[in-house]
Protein backbone atom coordinates (compact mmCIF):
# COMPACT_ATOMS: atom_id res chain seq x y z
CA MET A 1 77.11 62.41 59.62
CA SER A 2 77.88 59.06 58.00
CA THR A 3 79.55 58.81 54.62
CA SER A 4 76.52 57.05 53.15
CA HIS A 5 74.39 60.14 53.79
CA ALA A 6 76.96 62.78 52.84
CA GLU A 7 76.04 64.33 49.50
CA ILE A 8 79.02 65.74 47.60
CA LEU A 9 79.09 67.72 44.34
CA PHE A 10 82.26 68.04 42.27
CA VAL A 11 82.31 70.70 39.53
CA ASP A 12 85.05 70.81 36.91
CA ASP A 13 85.15 71.24 33.13
CA ASP A 14 87.78 68.47 32.88
CA ARG A 15 85.79 65.26 32.37
CA THR A 16 88.79 63.05 33.12
CA ILE A 17 89.08 64.54 36.61
CA LEU A 18 85.34 64.17 37.13
CA GLU A 19 85.38 60.47 36.26
CA LEU A 20 88.36 59.75 38.54
CA VAL A 21 86.77 61.61 41.44
CA ARG A 22 83.36 60.01 40.91
CA GLU A 23 84.74 56.47 40.83
CA TYR A 24 87.03 57.00 43.82
CA LEU A 25 84.45 58.65 46.10
CA ALA A 26 81.73 56.16 45.19
CA GLU A 27 84.11 53.28 45.89
CA ILE A 28 84.83 54.50 49.44
CA GLY A 29 81.16 55.03 50.24
CA TYR A 30 80.30 58.64 49.46
CA ARG A 31 77.26 59.72 47.51
CA VAL A 32 78.68 61.99 44.83
CA ASP A 33 77.39 63.93 41.82
CA VAL A 34 79.69 65.40 39.18
CA VAL A 35 78.94 68.15 36.64
CA ASP A 36 81.17 69.85 34.08
CA ASN A 37 79.82 73.42 34.14
CA GLY A 38 78.78 76.07 36.62
CA MET A 39 75.24 76.57 35.30
CA GLN A 40 74.32 72.92 35.79
CA ALA A 41 75.97 72.97 39.20
CA LEU A 42 73.83 75.93 40.23
CA GLU A 43 70.67 74.12 39.14
CA ARG A 44 71.68 71.07 41.21
CA ILE A 45 72.42 73.23 44.25
CA LYS A 46 69.04 74.96 44.04
CA ALA A 47 67.31 71.57 43.80
CA GLN A 48 69.01 69.78 46.68
CA ALA A 49 71.34 70.31 49.65
CA TYR A 50 74.93 69.12 49.41
CA ALA A 51 77.21 68.76 52.42
CA ILE A 52 80.26 69.74 50.35
CA VAL A 53 80.81 71.28 46.91
CA PHE A 54 84.18 71.18 45.18
CA THR A 55 84.40 73.65 42.30
CA ASP A 56 87.14 74.50 39.85
CA ILE A 57 87.90 78.19 40.01
CA LYS A 58 88.20 78.64 36.22
CA MET A 59 85.20 77.57 34.13
CA PRO A 60 83.82 79.03 30.90
CA ASP A 61 80.30 80.05 31.99
CA ILE A 62 80.17 80.69 35.74
CA ASP A 63 83.56 80.68 37.47
CA GLY A 64 84.23 79.22 40.90
CA LEU A 65 83.97 82.54 42.76
CA GLU A 66 80.56 83.28 41.25
CA LEU A 67 79.39 79.76 42.09
CA LEU A 68 80.74 80.15 45.65
CA SER A 69 78.73 83.34 46.07
CA ALA A 70 75.56 81.67 44.77
CA ILE A 71 76.01 78.63 47.04
CA LYS A 72 76.39 80.84 50.12
CA GLU A 73 73.16 82.59 49.14
CA TYR A 74 71.07 79.47 48.48
CA ARG A 75 72.78 76.93 50.79
CA PRO A 76 74.75 78.72 53.50
CA GLU A 77 75.27 75.46 55.42
CA THR A 78 77.12 73.88 52.45
CA GLU A 79 80.91 73.92 52.66
CA VAL A 80 82.69 74.96 49.44
CA ILE A 81 86.20 73.92 48.44
CA ILE A 82 87.83 75.89 45.63
CA VAL A 83 89.95 73.76 43.29
CA THR A 84 92.81 75.75 41.76
CA GLY A 85 95.50 75.25 39.18
CA HIS A 86 99.04 76.64 39.23
CA GLY A 87 99.09 80.43 39.21
CA SER A 88 95.63 80.78 40.75
CA MET A 89 96.64 81.17 44.39
CA GLU A 90 95.59 84.81 44.53
CA SER A 91 92.06 83.80 43.51
CA ALA A 92 92.09 80.95 46.04
CA ILE A 93 92.96 83.35 48.85
CA LYS A 94 90.20 85.67 47.68
CA ALA A 95 87.78 82.73 47.73
CA MET A 96 88.74 81.98 51.35
CA LYS A 97 87.81 85.54 52.28
CA PHE A 98 84.41 85.08 50.60
CA GLY A 99 83.57 81.93 52.56
CA SER A 100 85.40 79.03 50.95
CA TYR A 101 86.21 76.39 53.61
CA ASP A 102 89.58 75.60 52.02
CA TYR A 103 91.24 75.18 48.64
CA LEU A 104 92.61 72.17 46.78
CA GLN A 105 95.46 72.66 44.33
CA LYS A 106 95.80 70.64 41.13
CA PRO A 107 97.17 68.11 40.60
CA PHE A 108 95.88 66.53 43.83
CA LYS A 109 96.04 63.01 45.21
CA LEU A 110 92.72 61.28 45.74
CA ASN A 111 93.58 60.33 49.33
CA VAL A 112 94.08 64.04 50.08
CA LEU A 113 90.56 64.59 48.79
CA LYS A 114 89.28 61.97 51.26
CA ILE A 115 91.19 63.51 54.19
CA LEU A 116 89.67 66.90 53.43
CA ILE A 117 86.14 65.48 53.16
CA ASP A 118 86.50 63.53 56.41
CA ARG A 119 87.74 66.65 58.21
CA ILE A 120 84.73 68.66 57.04
CA LEU A 121 82.20 65.94 57.88
CA ASP A 122 83.73 65.36 61.34
CA ALA A 123 83.49 69.10 62.04
CA LYS A 124 79.87 69.14 60.84
CA LYS A 125 79.02 66.16 63.03
CA LEU A 126 80.60 67.77 66.10
CA LYS A 127 78.76 71.03 65.42
CA GLN A 128 75.46 69.19 65.09
CA GLU A 129 76.06 67.27 68.32
CA LYS A 130 76.76 70.54 70.13
CA ILE A 131 73.55 72.07 68.74
CA VAL A 132 71.54 69.02 69.83
CA LEU A 133 73.16 69.01 73.26
CA LYS A 134 72.60 72.74 73.72
CA THR A 135 68.93 72.34 72.81
CA ARG A 136 68.50 69.41 75.15
CA VAL A 137 70.31 71.09 78.02
CA LYS A 138 67.84 73.98 77.84
CA GLU A 139 65.02 71.47 78.19
CA ARG A 140 66.35 69.11 80.85
CA HIS A 141 69.41 68.85 83.02
CA ARG A 142 67.67 66.11 84.97
CA TYR A 143 65.11 63.43 84.18
CA ASP A 144 63.02 62.33 87.12
CA GLY A 145 65.67 60.97 89.54
CA LEU A 146 68.46 60.96 86.94
CA VAL A 147 70.84 63.93 86.78
CA GLY A 148 73.11 64.95 83.91
CA ILE A 149 73.49 67.27 80.93
CA SER A 150 75.98 65.14 78.98
CA LEU A 151 75.09 63.82 75.55
CA LYS A 152 75.35 60.24 76.84
CA MET A 153 72.75 60.94 79.54
CA GLN A 154 70.50 62.76 77.06
CA GLU A 155 70.55 59.56 74.99
CA VAL A 156 69.44 57.58 78.05
CA TYR A 157 66.60 60.08 78.62
CA ASP A 158 65.54 59.81 74.97
CA THR A 159 65.41 56.01 75.17
CA ILE A 160 63.28 56.12 78.32
CA ASP A 161 60.98 58.63 76.62
CA ARG A 162 60.42 56.21 73.75
CA ILE A 163 59.76 53.05 75.78
CA ARG A 164 58.35 54.07 79.15
CA GLN A 165 54.70 53.63 78.11
CA THR A 166 55.36 50.34 76.30
CA GLY A 167 55.57 46.90 77.85
CA ALA A 168 58.99 46.21 76.36
CA ASN A 169 61.53 44.40 78.51
CA VAL A 170 64.77 46.28 79.12
CA LEU A 171 68.39 45.24 79.62
CA ILE A 172 70.66 47.83 81.25
CA GLU A 173 74.44 47.54 81.02
CA GLY A 174 76.78 49.58 83.18
CA GLU A 175 79.56 49.55 85.74
CA SER A 176 78.75 49.44 89.44
CA GLY A 177 77.53 52.79 90.68
CA THR A 178 76.36 54.18 87.33
CA GLY A 179 72.68 54.24 88.31
CA LYS A 180 71.20 51.10 86.74
CA GLU A 181 68.58 50.53 89.45
CA LEU A 182 67.76 54.25 89.56
CA THR A 183 67.17 54.09 85.80
CA ALA A 184 64.88 51.08 86.26
CA HIS A 185 62.95 52.98 88.96
CA THR A 186 62.65 55.96 86.59
CA ILE A 187 61.21 53.81 83.80
CA HIS A 188 58.70 52.32 86.25
CA ARG A 189 57.66 55.65 87.80
CA LEU A 190 57.06 57.24 84.40
CA SER A 191 55.12 54.28 82.99
CA ASP A 192 51.45 53.34 83.26
CA ARG A 193 52.59 50.59 85.66
CA SER A 194 53.61 53.09 88.33
CA ARG A 195 50.65 52.23 90.59
CA ASN A 196 51.72 48.59 90.61
CA PRO A 197 54.72 47.15 92.51
CA PHE A 198 58.37 47.69 91.65
CA VAL A 199 60.09 44.52 92.85
CA PRO A 200 63.91 44.41 92.92
CA VAL A 201 65.45 40.93 92.99
CA VAL A 202 69.16 40.28 93.56
CA CYS A 203 70.05 37.39 91.27
CA LYS A 204 73.16 36.37 93.18
CA GLY A 205 72.13 33.62 95.58
CA LEU A 206 68.50 33.73 94.42
CA LEU A 207 68.38 29.97 93.88
CA LYS A 208 70.74 29.00 96.68
CA GLY A 209 69.54 25.78 98.26
CA ALA A 210 66.89 25.18 95.62
CA ALA A 211 66.82 21.65 94.25
CA ALA A 212 66.88 21.17 90.50
CA ASP A 213 63.20 20.26 90.41
CA GLY A 214 62.33 23.27 92.57
CA MET A 215 64.20 25.82 90.45
CA ALA A 216 61.35 26.31 87.97
CA GLN A 217 58.83 26.93 90.74
CA ARG A 218 61.12 29.46 92.43
CA LEU A 219 61.61 31.34 89.14
CA ARG A 220 57.83 31.34 88.51
CA GLU A 221 57.27 32.84 91.94
CA VAL A 222 59.82 35.58 91.20
CA LEU A 223 58.29 36.33 87.80
CA HIS A 224 54.80 36.72 89.25
CA SER A 225 55.89 38.67 92.34
CA ALA A 226 55.57 42.04 90.62
CA GLU A 227 52.07 41.29 89.30
CA ASP A 228 51.45 43.94 86.58
CA GLY A 229 54.26 46.20 87.79
CA THR A 230 57.99 46.01 87.14
CA LEU A 231 60.39 43.23 88.09
CA PHE A 232 64.01 44.36 88.36
CA LEU A 233 66.61 41.58 88.07
CA ASP A 234 69.98 42.66 89.47
CA ASP A 235 72.64 41.29 88.04
CA ILE A 236 71.19 38.81 85.55
CA CYS A 237 74.62 37.30 84.80
CA ASP A 238 74.82 36.09 88.41
CA LEU A 239 72.15 33.49 87.71
CA PRO A 240 73.61 30.04 86.94
CA GLU A 241 73.62 29.04 83.28
CA SER A 242 70.94 26.39 83.77
CA ALA A 243 68.69 28.88 85.56
CA GLN A 244 69.11 31.43 82.77
CA ALA A 245 68.07 28.86 80.17
CA LEU A 246 65.06 27.87 82.27
CA LEU A 247 64.07 31.51 82.76
CA ALA A 248 64.22 32.02 78.99
CA GLU A 249 61.84 29.07 78.59
CA LEU A 250 59.45 30.51 81.13
CA LEU A 251 59.48 33.91 79.43
CA GLY A 252 59.02 32.34 76.01
CA GLU A 253 56.03 30.25 77.09
CA SER A 254 57.69 27.16 75.69
CA PRO A 255 55.98 23.75 76.05
CA ALA A 256 58.46 22.92 78.81
CA ALA A 257 57.13 25.76 80.94
CA ALA A 258 53.73 25.36 82.52
CA GLY A 259 51.73 28.37 83.69
CA PRO A 260 50.88 31.77 82.20
CA ARG A 261 53.45 34.37 81.28
CA PRO A 262 53.68 37.09 83.95
CA GLY A 263 52.17 40.50 83.31
CA ALA A 264 55.12 42.43 84.75
CA ARG A 265 57.63 44.31 82.66
CA LEU A 266 61.11 42.90 83.19
CA ILE A 267 64.09 45.19 83.59
CA ALA A 268 67.38 43.37 84.03
CA CYS A 269 70.83 44.78 84.52
CA THR A 270 74.42 43.62 84.49
CA ASN A 271 77.81 45.05 85.43
CA ARG A 272 79.36 43.09 82.57
CA VAL A 273 79.79 44.15 78.97
CA VAL A 274 76.87 42.35 77.36
CA ARG A 275 78.59 41.36 74.12
CA GLU A 276 81.49 39.85 76.10
CA ALA A 277 79.12 38.04 78.46
CA LEU A 278 77.34 36.52 75.46
CA ALA A 279 80.63 35.49 73.83
CA LYS A 280 81.84 33.81 77.04
CA GLY A 281 78.52 32.08 77.71
CA VAL A 282 78.02 34.00 80.94
CA LEU A 283 74.74 35.34 79.55
CA ASP A 284 72.37 32.89 77.87
CA LYS A 285 71.58 33.96 74.29
CA GLY A 286 67.94 32.93 74.56
CA LEU A 287 67.49 34.91 77.77
CA HIS A 288 69.25 37.90 76.22
CA GLY A 289 66.75 37.79 73.37
CA CYS A 290 63.86 37.88 75.86
CA LEU A 291 65.25 40.68 78.00
CA ALA A 292 66.96 43.01 75.51
CA GLU A 293 63.90 44.20 73.62
CA VAL A 294 65.36 47.57 74.62
CA PHE A 295 69.04 48.05 75.52
CA ILE A 296 70.32 50.92 77.67
CA GLN A 297 74.00 51.54 78.35
CA MET A 298 74.73 53.64 81.43
CA PRO A 299 77.94 55.67 80.95
CA PRO A 300 80.68 55.63 83.60
CA LEU A 301 81.23 58.94 85.37
CA LYS A 302 84.71 59.31 83.84
CA ASP A 303 82.99 59.58 80.43
CA ARG A 304 80.52 62.26 81.56
CA LYS A 305 82.63 64.61 83.66
CA GLU A 306 80.59 67.58 82.47
CA ASP A 307 77.89 66.21 84.80
CA ILE A 308 80.05 66.30 87.95
CA CYS A 309 79.23 69.88 89.01
CA LEU A 310 75.51 69.27 88.49
CA LEU A 311 75.65 66.02 90.48
CA ILE A 312 77.54 67.72 93.31
CA ASN A 313 74.86 70.42 93.58
CA HIS A 314 72.20 67.70 93.55
CA PHE A 315 73.89 65.84 96.42
CA LEU A 316 74.50 69.07 98.37
CA ASP A 317 70.78 69.81 98.19
CA GLN A 318 69.95 66.28 99.33
CA PHE A 319 72.31 66.23 102.32
CA ASN A 320 71.52 69.80 103.32
CA ALA A 321 67.85 68.82 103.51
CA LYS A 322 68.62 65.70 105.56
CA SER A 323 71.08 67.32 107.96
CA GLY A 324 69.62 70.80 108.30
CA LYS A 325 73.04 72.22 107.36
CA LYS A 326 73.82 74.82 104.72
CA VAL A 327 76.86 73.64 102.76
CA LEU A 328 76.92 75.93 99.76
CA ALA A 329 79.63 74.71 97.43
CA VAL A 330 82.92 72.96 96.75
CA ALA A 331 86.05 75.15 96.81
CA PRO A 332 87.60 75.67 93.33
CA GLU A 333 90.81 73.83 94.30
CA ALA A 334 88.80 70.86 95.61
CA MET A 335 86.63 70.92 92.48
CA ASP A 336 89.78 70.62 90.35
CA TYR A 337 90.62 67.43 92.23
CA LEU A 338 87.12 66.04 91.74
CA LEU A 339 87.10 66.84 88.02
CA SER A 340 90.50 65.23 87.41
CA TYR A 341 89.66 62.02 89.30
CA ASN A 342 88.61 58.92 87.28
CA TRP A 343 85.82 57.71 89.60
CA PRO A 344 86.09 53.91 89.57
CA GLY A 345 83.00 53.82 91.82
CA ASN A 346 81.10 56.19 89.51
CA VAL A 347 78.14 58.32 90.70
CA ILE A 348 77.71 56.33 93.92
CA GLN A 349 81.32 57.08 94.85
CA LEU A 350 80.78 60.81 94.22
CA GLU A 351 77.68 60.73 96.40
CA ASN A 352 79.68 59.00 99.14
CA VAL A 353 82.37 61.69 98.94
CA ILE A 354 79.81 64.44 99.53
CA GLU A 355 78.09 62.46 102.30
CA ARG A 356 81.46 61.87 103.97
CA ALA A 357 82.18 65.60 103.99
CA PHE A 358 78.87 66.20 105.79
CA ALA A 359 79.69 63.47 108.29
CA LEU A 360 83.04 65.15 109.01
CA GLY A 361 81.19 68.33 109.95
CA VAL A 362 82.09 70.50 106.97
CA GLU A 363 80.86 74.09 107.18
CA LEU A 364 79.75 76.18 104.20
CA VAL A 365 82.37 75.02 101.66
CA ILE A 366 83.98 71.62 101.01
CA GLN A 367 87.76 72.04 100.93
CA ILE A 368 90.58 69.77 99.72
CA GLU A 369 91.13 68.53 103.27
CA ASP A 370 87.53 67.29 103.34
CA LEU A 371 88.16 64.88 100.45
CA PRO A 372 89.14 61.19 100.83
CA ALA A 373 92.85 60.30 100.70
CA GLU A 374 92.65 58.53 97.32
CA ILE A 375 91.19 61.63 95.64
CA LYS A 376 93.73 63.96 97.25
CA THR A 377 96.58 61.67 96.15
CA ALA A 378 95.27 61.50 92.58
CA GLY A 379 94.82 65.26 92.58
CA GLU A 380 98.39 65.89 93.71
CA ILE A 381 99.72 63.53 91.02
CA ALA A 382 97.62 65.32 88.39
CA ARG A 383 99.05 68.69 89.53
CA MET A 384 102.61 67.39 89.20
CA HIS A 385 101.96 66.48 85.59
């Protein structure tokens, strides 16, 4: 929940306090209303939802406890902070029992007010993310060939949902082994281009040996190779700078580029951080503009460790089917090692670990001794600490 969308109501019969609070909160980016009596506050609360309401506990018409009770009836999701003066602590404690999030004692510093607001909004944001994740997990723990229940993977799924039936070009950023080509395949398979070719092209060495005057023709051939399907360019930053600029011209149908624009959707990927590649000139800005009509960032496995168990089961099923074996699980002690490891090789490295265990002839359960040396070493170090 951003500050610009967080509605706050401050209720106090001291107009000086109201003006100070209003000016301060507005200055730091919050949307704030102030009222000087409980009746008006109640009307505001009935009319609209506030994220947070601060209310003085002693007011002439409706006191803070009565207002708290009304807010919890009409807007149970709104957090209420009771503002107390000296000698009102007993009432503040009573308010906490009736659902007040916290209390604020006068006189208070304005920065303390901000700290309290930020704490509440951060908690609300985390709660909302958990609700969204829980809802999504019920619906999909995998998406075509992609596997994962983490929020970062759900975001990838959502992006694919939005663009798969469009012709938009896509740029995918991610470390080696995070599943960039698998994501490109998924977009293609779920699009209306799925009956047409998916053509992967490794950019490194693509133009090796091509003369300068033959570079344009080679790039045209590549662009038209996928016809009306999907052309996957792996890793776009490996193309020389001059070739990237020429490719941007071809895609932009500039006067310098003869021939029709290809009908294929382009999906490009890079292992580099795109903003850094642009800043260093490793990625041509014009080409970036052509390719990044949609941007997808594949998370490293170390940032989605909640997906590890699901991925392991996925790979067990795959290798059981291939080998005819029946490896059921990973031993709890071995799983601890896998969960604590940082996975520099990402999902591909995890897949290789499971495949290696099958190759070693594991039976029924993968044990610590079935893991590679680097994972066992990291696991022992983690145990020591």
